[in-house]
């Protein structure tokens, strides 16, 4: 397996760590004590960035590894890097205003879909080819 896939996985976890730290910082800044989940709109956007990123990681990481194994150990990480750029754009935009999240969401969602569909094709081809 390509070390590039491992690198993208580690960078994804690092991104999630930074986003999680941002939620903690927003809690302190806007005085939203745990377990409270609502408060200032800026806090709520930071929390949604974290929650949505976690939701997307559950889909993205297996798709990344399956694609890298069954299709391409080079193209998988490249699509994963695009996903990371999309998630960073998503977070950056959403921190500013909810309406600014869509470009990043679209980039990361498209990347995830390509990884999933490519994985399915690769898996099916490996099953039917001798």
Protein backbone atom coordinates (compact mmCIF):
# COMPACT_ATOMS: atom_id res chain seq x y z
CA UNK A 1 0.00 0.00 0.00
CA UNK A 2 1.16 3.49 -0.79
CA UNK A 3 2.57 5.64 2.00
CA UNK A 4 0.70 8.50 0.31
CA UNK A 5 -2.61 7.03 1.41
CA UNK A 6 -1.27 6.85 4.96
CA UNK A 7 -0.11 10.47 4.72
CA UNK A 8 -3.56 11.65 3.58
CA UNK A 9 -5.12 9.69 6.44
CA UNK A 10 -2.76 11.30 8.96
CA UNK A 11 -3.40 14.77 7.51
CA UNK A 12 -7.15 14.13 7.73
CA UNK A 13 -6.78 13.28 11.42
CA UNK A 14 -4.64 16.39 11.94
CA UNK A 15 -7.29 18.54 10.25
CA UNK A 16 -9.93 17.05 12.53
CA UNK A 17 -7.76 17.75 15.59
CA UNK A 18 -7.39 21.41 14.59
CA UNK A 19 -11.13 21.71 13.97
CA UNK A 20 -11.83 20.13 17.38
CA UNK A 21 -9.46 22.57 19.07
CA UNK A 22 -11.32 25.39 17.32
CA UNK A 23 -14.56 24.24 18.95
CA UNK A 24 -12.91 24.36 22.37
CA UNK A 25 -11.59 27.82 21.67
CA UNK A 26 -15.03 28.95 20.50
CA UNK A 27 -16.60 27.52 23.67
CA UNK A 28 -14.27 29.65 25.78
CA UNK A 29 -14.58 32.77 23.63
CA UNK A 30 -18.39 32.71 23.48
CA UNK A 31 -18.87 31.28 26.99
CA UNK A 32 -20.72 28.11 25.96
CA UNK A 33 -20.03 25.55 28.71
CA UNK A 34 -20.23 21.81 28.01
CA UNK A 35 -22.55 20.01 27.48
CA UNK A 36 -24.39 23.00 26.02
CA UNK A 37 -24.57 22.79 22.20
CA UNK A 38 -26.13 26.16 21.40
CA UNK A 39 -25.14 29.74 21.94
CA UNK A 40 -23.52 32.41 19.82
CA UNK A 41 -23.86 31.81 16.06
CA UNK A 42 -20.06 31.83 15.66
CA UNK A 43 -19.80 29.01 18.20
CA UNK A 44 -22.54 27.04 16.47
CA UNK A 45 -20.80 27.33 13.11
CA UNK A 46 -17.52 26.08 14.63
CA UNK A 47 -19.40 23.15 16.15
CA UNK A 48 -21.12 22.35 12.83
CA UNK A 49 -17.75 22.36 11.06
CA UNK A 50 -16.51 19.75 13.54
CA UNK A 51 -19.65 17.63 13.43
CA UNK A 52 -19.97 17.67 9.65
CA UNK A 53 -16.29 16.90 9.17
CA UNK A 54 -16.60 13.90 11.48
CA UNK A 55 -19.69 12.73 9.57
CA UNK A 56 -17.82 13.06 6.27
CA UNK A 57 -14.69 11.29 7.58
CA UNK A 58 -16.73 8.15 8.25
CA UNK A 59 -17.55 8.06 4.53
CA UNK A 60 -14.24 9.38 3.19
CA UNK A 61 -11.61 7.27 4.96
CA UNK A 62 -12.88 3.81 3.96
CA UNK A 63 -13.50 5.08 0.40
CA UNK A 64 -9.94 6.43 0.27
CA UNK A 65 -8.41 3.13 1.36
CA UNK A 66 -10.62 0.97 -0.85
CA UNK A 67 -9.90 3.13 -3.89
CA UNK A 68 -6.17 3.16 -3.15
CA UNK A 69 -6.12 -0.63 -2.84
CA UNK A 70 -8.43 -1.66 -5.68
CA UNK A 71 -7.93 1.15 -8.20
CA UNK A 72 -4.74 3.19 -7.75
CA UNK A 73 -2.28 3.85 -4.92
CA UNK A 74 -1.47 7.16 -6.66
CA UNK A 75 -4.91 8.46 -7.67
CA UNK A 76 -6.48 7.57 -4.33
CA UNK A 77 -4.24 9.91 -2.35
CA UNK A 78 -4.57 12.62 -5.01
CA UNK A 79 -8.36 12.48 -4.68
CA UNK A 80 -7.85 12.42 -0.91
CA UNK A 81 -5.75 15.58 -1.12
CA UNK A 82 -8.58 17.22 -3.07
CA UNK A 83 -10.97 16.14 -0.30
CA UNK A 84 -8.68 17.77 2.29
CA UNK A 85 -8.55 21.02 0.32
CA UNK A 86 -12.34 20.93 0.09
CA UNK A 87 -12.73 20.39 3.84
CA UNK A 88 -10.35 23.25 4.60
CA UNK A 89 -12.32 25.51 2.24
CA UNK A 90 -15.54 24.29 3.85
CA UNK A 91 -14.30 25.10 7.36
CA UNK A 92 -12.81 28.45 6.38
CA UNK A 93 -15.99 29.50 4.63
CA UNK A 94 -18.36 28.21 7.31
CA UNK A 95 -16.44 29.99 10.08
CA UNK A 96 -17.26 33.24 8.26
CA UNK A 97 -20.88 32.57 7.25
CA UNK A 98 -23.03 29.50 6.64
CA UNK A 99 -23.54 30.50 2.99
CA UNK A 100 -19.79 30.38 2.33
CA UNK A 101 -19.46 26.66 3.06
CA UNK A 102 -20.90 25.32 -0.19
CA UNK A 103 -17.84 25.42 -2.46
CA UNK A 104 -15.74 23.44 0.00
CA UNK A 105 -18.62 21.05 0.65
CA UNK A 106 -19.01 20.47 -3.08
CA UNK A 107 -15.31 19.81 -3.61
CA UNK A 108 -15.05 17.31 -0.76
CA UNK A 109 -18.36 15.61 -1.62
CA UNK A 110 -17.38 15.18 -5.26
CA UNK A 111 -14.03 13.70 -4.24
CA UNK A 112 -15.74 11.26 -1.85
CA UNK A 113 -18.20 10.16 -4.53
CA UNK A 114 -15.42 9.52 -7.05
CA UNK A 115 -13.56 7.49 -4.43
CA UNK A 116 -16.66 5.42 -3.62
CA UNK A 117 -17.75 4.81 -7.21
CA UNK A 118 -14.20 4.04 -8.28
CA UNK A 119 -13.85 1.61 -5.38
CA UNK A 120 -17.02 -0.21 -6.39
CA UNK A 121 -15.80 -0.54 -9.97
CA UNK A 122 -12.38 -1.72 -8.82
CA UNK A 123 -13.83 -4.26 -6.39
CA UNK A 124 -16.29 -5.62 -8.96
CA UNK A 125 -13.57 -5.91 -11.62
CA UNK A 126 -11.33 -7.77 -9.18
CA UNK A 127 -14.17 -10.23 -8.51
CA UNK A 128 -14.97 -10.95 -12.16
CA UNK A 129 -11.46 -11.01 -13.61
CA UNK A 130 -9.49 -14.23 -13.30
